[in-house]
Amino acid sequence: MNGWAGVINSAVAAFYVFLKYAKLYEHYQMAQYGARLLPEDAPAPPIPHRSQNAGHDS
């Protein structure tokens, strides 16, 4: 409805949704299979980090 700006906006929004679900699928696969799905020469998967202030009362 907004011409080319609408086309670009909908394409970017659709790609964002695709990436969101791809990342969720990747998360579940890593939780289920671990690093066994990665090639031998692949870098180590990232380790989630916690904020340094998490759990501390100031």
PDB file of N, CA and C in Angstrom:
ATOM      1  N   MET A   1       0.812  -1.201   0.000  1.00  0.00           N
ATOM      2  CA  MET A   1       0.000   0.000   0.000  1.00  0.00           C
ATOM      3  C   MET A   1       0.856   1.267   0.000  1.00  0.00           C
ATOM      4  N   ASN A   2       2.113   1.141   0.348  1.00  0.00           N
ATOM      5  CA  ASN A   2       2.976   2.314   0.422  1.00  0.00           C
ATOM      6  C   ASN A   2       4.012   2.326  -0.684  1.00  0.00           C
ATOM      7  N   GLY A   3       3.744   1.680  -1.789  1.00  0.00           N
ATOM      8  CA  GLY A   3       4.674   1.695  -2.914  1.00  0.00           C
ATOM      9  C   GLY A   3       5.934   0.907  -2.601  1.00  0.00           C
ATOM     10  N   TRP A   4       7.049   1.393  -3.126  1.00  0.00           N
ATOM     11  CA  TRP A   4       8.319   0.700  -2.938  1.00  0.00           C
ATOM     12  C   TRP A   4       8.734   0.662  -1.479  1.00  0.00           C
ATOM     13  N   ALA A   5       8.406   1.684  -0.732  1.00  0.00           N
ATOM     14  CA  ALA A   5       8.742   1.677   0.696  1.00  0.00           C
ATOM     15  C   ALA A   5       8.017   0.531   1.406  1.00  0.00           C
ATOM     16  N   GLY A   6       6.789   0.258   1.026  1.00  0.00           N
ATOM     17  CA  GLY A   6       6.037  -0.847   1.612  1.00  0.00           C
ATOM     18  C   GLY A   6       6.591  -2.202   1.211  1.00  0.00           C
ATOM     19  N   VAL A   7       7.038  -2.313  -0.045  1.00  0.00           N
ATOM     20  CA  VAL A   7       7.625  -3.561  -0.517  1.00  0.00           C
ATOM     21  C   VAL A   7       8.911  -3.849   0.245  1.00  0.00           C
ATOM     22  N   ILE A   8       9.755  -2.843   0.375  1.00  0.00           N
ATOM     23  CA  ILE A   8      11.020  -3.015   1.095  1.00  0.00           C
ATOM     24  C   ILE A   8      10.758  -3.310   2.559  1.00  0.00           C
ATOM     25  N   ASN A   9       9.813  -2.609   3.150  1.00  0.00           N
ATOM     26  CA  ASN A   9       9.484  -2.831   4.562  1.00  0.00           C
ATOM     27  C   ASN A   9       8.962  -4.249   4.788  1.00  0.00           C
ATOM     28  N   SER A  10       8.099  -4.731   3.914  1.00  0.00           N
ATOM     29  CA  SER A  10       7.566  -6.087   4.094  1.00  0.00           C
ATOM     30  C   SER A  10       8.651  -7.140   3.853  1.00  0.00           C
ATOM     31  N   ALA A  11       9.566  -6.896   2.916  1.00  0.00           N
ATOM     32  CA  ALA A  11      10.659  -7.845   2.678  1.00  0.00           C
ATOM     33  C   ALA A  11      11.588  -7.917   3.883  1.00  0.00           C
ATOM     34  N   VAL A  12      11.912  -6.767   4.458  1.00  0.00           N
ATOM     35  CA  VAL A  12      12.776  -6.745   5.639  1.00  0.00           C
ATOM     36  C   VAL A  12      12.078  -7.417   6.819  1.00  0.00           C
ATOM     37  N   ALA A  13      10.800  -7.162   6.995  1.00  0.00           N
ATOM     38  CA  ALA A  13      10.054  -7.773   8.093  1.00  0.00           C
ATOM     39  C   ALA A  13       9.966  -9.287   7.917  1.00  0.00           C
ATOM     40  N   ALA A  14       9.757  -9.745   6.691  1.00  0.00           N
ATOM     41  CA  ALA A  14       9.690 -11.188   6.441  1.00  0.00           C
ATOM     42  C   ALA A  14      11.045 -11.841   6.693  1.00  0.00           C
ATOM     43  N   PHE A  15      12.117 -11.193   6.296  1.00  0.00           N
ATOM     44  CA  PHE A  15      13.452 -11.739   6.530  1.00  0.00           C
ATOM     45  C   PHE A  15      13.752 -11.790   8.023  1.00  0.00           C
ATOM     46  N   TYR A  16      13.307 -10.789   8.774  1.00  0.00           N
ATOM     47  CA  TYR A  16      13.490 -10.782  10.223  1.00  0.00           C
ATOM     48  C   TYR A  16      12.785 -11.979  10.861  1.00  0.00           C
ATOM     49  N   VAL A  17      11.567 -12.248  10.446  1.00  0.00           N
ATOM     50  CA  VAL A  17      10.821 -13.381  10.991  1.00  0.00           C
ATOM     51  C   VAL A  17      11.522 -14.688  10.637  1.00  0.00           C
ATOM     52  N   PHE A  18      12.015 -14.798   9.401  1.00  0.00           N
ATOM     53  CA  PHE A  18      12.755 -15.989   9.010  1.00  0.00           C
ATOM     54  C   PHE A  18      13.982 -16.187   9.903  1.00  0.00           C
ATOM     55  N   LEU A  19      14.752 -15.137  10.116  1.00  0.00           N
ATOM     56  CA  LEU A  19      15.942 -15.247  10.958  1.00  0.00           C
ATOM     57  C   LEU A  19      15.587 -15.615  12.391  1.00  0.00           C
ATOM     58  N   LYS A  20      14.492 -15.074  12.888  1.00  0.00           N
ATOM     59  CA  LYS A  20      14.062 -15.367  14.251  1.00  0.00           C
ATOM     60  C   LYS A  20      13.760 -16.854  14.415  1.00  0.00           C
ATOM     61  N   TYR A  21      13.018 -17.432  13.478  1.00  0.00           N
ATOM     62  CA  TYR A  21      12.693 -18.847  13.568  1.00  0.00           C
ATOM     63  C   TYR A  21      13.893 -19.738  13.255  1.00  0.00           C
ATOM     64  N   ALA A  22      14.780 -19.298  12.381  1.00  0.00           N
ATOM     65  CA  ALA A  22      15.993 -20.068  12.099  1.00  0.00           C
ATOM     66  C   ALA A  22      16.877 -20.131  13.336  1.00  0.00           C
ATOM     67  N   LYS A  23      16.987 -19.018  14.050  1.00  0.00           N
ATOM     68  CA  LYS A  23      17.794 -18.993  15.269  1.00  0.00           C
ATOM     69  C   LYS A  23      17.160 -19.868  16.349  1.00  0.00           C
ATOM     70  N   LEU A  24      15.849 -19.861  16.451  1.00  0.00           N
ATOM     71  CA  LEU A  24      15.158 -20.715  17.413  1.00  0.00           C
ATOM     72  C   LEU A  24      15.374 -22.189  17.078  1.00  0.00           C
ATOM     73  N   TYR A  25      15.283 -22.546  15.792  1.00  0.00           N
ATOM     74  CA  TYR A  25      15.537 -23.916  15.355  1.00  0.00           C
ATOM     75  C   TYR A  25      16.975 -24.315  15.684  1.00  0.00           C
ATOM     76  N   GLU A  26      17.926 -23.414  15.428  1.00  0.00           N
ATOM     77  CA  GLU A  26      19.322 -23.686  15.739  1.00  0.00           C
ATOM     78  C   GLU A  26      19.518 -23.908  17.232  1.00  0.00           C
ATOM     79  N   HIS A  27      18.839 -23.129  18.035  1.00  0.00           N
ATOM     80  CA  HIS A  27      18.943 -23.271  19.489  1.00  0.00           C
ATOM     81  C   HIS A  27      18.463 -24.651  19.932  1.00  0.00           C
ATOM     82  N   TYR A  28      17.314 -25.085  19.421  1.00  0.00           N
ATOM     83  CA  TYR A  28      16.781 -26.391  19.797  1.00  0.00           C
ATOM     84  C   TYR A  28      17.668 -27.529  19.295  1.00  0.00           C
ATOM     85  N   GLN A  29      18.230 -27.384  18.110  1.00  0.00           N
ATOM     86  CA  GLN A  29      19.125 -28.417  17.594  1.00  0.00           C
ATOM     87  C   GLN A  29      20.395 -28.519  18.443  1.00  0.00           C
ATOM     88  N   MET A  30      20.946 -27.390  18.863  1.00  0.00           N
ATOM     89  CA  MET A  30      22.145 -27.407  19.706  1.00  0.00           C
ATOM     90  C   MET A  30      21.814 -27.990  21.078  1.00  0.00           C
ATOM     91  N   ALA A  31      20.617 -27.710  21.587  1.00  0.00           N
ATOM     92  CA  ALA A  31      20.218 -28.264  22.882  1.00  0.00           C
ATOM     93  C   ALA A  31      20.036 -29.776  22.792  1.00  0.00           C
ATOM     94  N   GLN A  32      19.529 -30.266  21.670  1.00  0.00           N
ATOM     95  CA  GLN A  32      19.263 -31.690  21.523  1.00  0.00           C
ATOM     96  C   GLN A  32      20.522 -32.472  21.167  1.00  0.00           C
ATOM     97  N   TYR A  33      21.320 -31.968  20.238  1.00  0.00           N
ATOM     98  CA  TYR A  33      22.454 -32.723  19.724  1.00  0.00           C
ATOM     99  C   TYR A  33      23.812 -32.180  20.162  1.00  0.00           C
ATOM    100  N   GLY A  34      23.858 -30.980  20.674  1.00  0.00           N
ATOM    101  CA  GLY A  34      25.128 -30.393  21.075  1.00  0.00           C
ATOM    102  C   GLY A  34      26.005 -30.103  19.874  1.00  0.00           C
ATOM    103  N   ALA A  35      27.302 -30.181  20.066  1.00  0.00           N
ATOM    104  CA  ALA A  35      28.253 -29.852  19.010  1.00  0.00           C
ATOM    105  C   ALA A  35      28.458 -31.005  18.034  1.00  0.00           C
ATOM    106  N   ARG A  36      27.743 -32.112  18.194  1.00  0.00           N
ATOM    107  CA  ARG A  36      27.920 -33.265  17.292  1.00  0.00           C
ATOM    108  C   ARG A  36      27.538 -32.934  15.860  1.00  0.00           C
ATOM    109  N   LEU A  37      26.696 -31.934  15.653  1.00  0.00           N
ATOM    110  CA  LEU A  37      26.281 -31.572  14.301  1.00  0.00           C
ATOM    111  C   LEU A  37      27.297 -30.692  13.588  1.00  0.00           C
ATOM    112  N   LEU A  38      28.251 -30.152  14.317  1.00  0.00           N
ATOM    113  CA  LEU A  38      29.226 -29.247  13.734  1.00  0.00           C
ATOM    114  C   LEU A  38      30.367 -30.023  13.096  1.00  0.00           C
ATOM    115  N   PRO A  39      30.969 -29.468  12.037  1.00  0.00           N
ATOM    116  CA  PRO A  39      32.145 -30.112  11.453  1.00  0.00           C
ATOM    117  C   PRO A  39      33.315 -30.099  12.441  1.00  0.00           C
ATOM    118  N   GLU A  40      34.281 -30.953  12.207  1.00  0.00           N
ATOM    119  CA  GLU A  40      35.431 -31.073  13.110  1.00  0.00           C
ATOM    120  C   GLU A  40      36.216 -29.774  13.241  1.00  0.00           C
ATOM    121  N   ASP A  41      36.351 -29.015  12.147  1.00  0.00           N
ATOM    122  CA  ASP A  41      37.161 -27.802  12.180  1.00  0.00           C
ATOM    123  C   ASP A  41      36.349 -26.537  12.484  1.00  0.00           C
ATOM    124  N   ALA A  42      35.119 -26.695  12.903  1.00  0.00           N
ATOM    125  CA  ALA A  42      34.268 -25.547  13.212  1.00  0.00           C
ATOM    126  C   ALA A  42      34.699 -24.925  14.536  1.00  0.00           C
ATOM    127  N   PRO A  43      34.558 -23.596  14.675  1.00  0.00           N
ATOM    128  CA  PRO A  43      34.862 -22.974  15.965  1.00  0.00           C
ATOM    129  C   PRO A  43      33.862 -23.419  17.021  1.00  0.00           C
ATOM    130  N   ALA A  44      34.249 -23.298  18.258  1.00  0.00           N
ATOM    131  CA  ALA A  44      33.378 -23.705  19.364  1.00  0.00           C
ATOM    132  C   ALA A  44      32.109 -22.854  19.365  1.00  0.00           C
ATOM    133  N   PRO A  45      30.962 -23.444  19.717  1.00  0.00           N
ATOM    134  CA  PRO A  45      29.723 -22.658  19.769  1.00  0.00           C
ATOM    135  C   PRO A  45      29.821 -21.615  20.868  1.00  0.00           C
ATOM    136  N   PRO A  46      29.132 -20.485  20.700  1.00  0.00           N
ATOM    137  CA  PRO A  46      29.196 -19.437  21.712  1.00  0.00           C
ATOM    138  C   PRO A  46      28.569 -19.890  23.027  1.00  0.00           C
ATOM    139  N   ILE A  47      29.146 -19.447  24.116  1.00  0.00           N
ATOM    140  CA  ILE A  47      28.639 -19.763  25.446  1.00  0.00           C
ATOM    141  C   ILE A  47      27.829 -18.562  25.919  1.00  0.00           C
ATOM    142  N   PRO A  48      26.568 -18.766  26.291  1.00  0.00           N
ATOM    143  CA  PRO A  48      25.775 -17.630  26.780  1.00  0.00           C
ATOM    144  C   PRO A  48      26.424 -17.039  28.024  1.00  0.00           C
ATOM    145  N   HIS A  49      26.477 -15.739  28.064  1.00  0.00           N
ATOM    146  CA  HIS A  49      27.087 -15.079  29.217  1.00  0.00           C
ATOM    147  C   HIS A  49      26.032 -14.344  30.013  1.00  0.00           C
ATOM    148  N   ARG A  50      26.302 -14.210  31.273  1.00  0.00           N
ATOM    149  CA  ARG A  50      25.396 -13.485  32.145  1.00  0.00           C
ATOM    150  C   ARG A  50      25.971 -12.117  32.407  1.00  0.00           C
ATOM    151  N   SER A  51      25.112 -11.181  32.671  1.00  0.00           N
ATOM    152  CA  SER A  51      25.555  -9.836  33.008  1.00  0.00           C
ATOM    153  C   SER A  51      26.332  -9.862  34.312  1.00  0.00           C
ATOM    154  N   GLN A  52      27.322  -9.007  34.448  1.00  0.00           N
ATOM    155  CA  GLN A  52      28.128  -8.981  35.651  1.00  0.00           C
ATOM    156  C   GLN A  52      27.321  -8.526  36.849  1.00  0.00           C
ATOM    157  N   ASN A  53      26.263  -7.768  36.612  1.00  0.00           N
ATOM    158  CA  ASN A  53      25.448  -7.253  37.708  1.00  0.00           C
ATOM    159  C   ASN A  53      24.255  -8.162  38.023  1.00  0.00           C
ATOM    160  N   ALA A  54      24.122  -9.264  37.326  1.00  0.00           N
ATOM    161  CA  ALA A  54      22.974 -10.128  37.537  1.00  0.00           C
ATOM    162  C   ALA A  54      23.046 -10.784  38.913  1.00  0.00           C
ATOM    163  N   GLY A  55      21.978 -10.676  39.650  1.00  0.00           N
ATOM    164  CA  GLY A  55      21.913 -11.317  40.956  1.00  0.00           C
ATOM    165  C   GLY A  55      22.539 -10.527  42.092  1.00  0.00           C
ATOM    166  N   HIS A  56      23.017  -9.342  41.801  1.00  0.00           N
ATOM    167  CA  HIS A  56      23.635  -8.508  42.849  1.00  0.00           C
ATOM    168  C   HIS A  56      22.724  -7.357  43.196  1.00  0.00           C
ATOM    169  N   ASP A  57      22.519  -7.154  44.477  1.00  0.00           N
ATOM    170  CA  ASP A  57      21.736  -6.017  44.943  1.00  0.00           C
ATOM    171  C   ASP A  57      22.690  -4.880  45.238  1.00  0.00           C
ATOM    172  N   SER A  58      22.444  -3.724  44.648  1.00  0.00           N
ATOM    173  CA  SER A  58      23.329  -2.573  44.874  1.00  0.00           C
ATOM    174  C   SER A  58      22.805  -1.667  45.940  1.00  0.00           C
TER     175      SER A  58
END
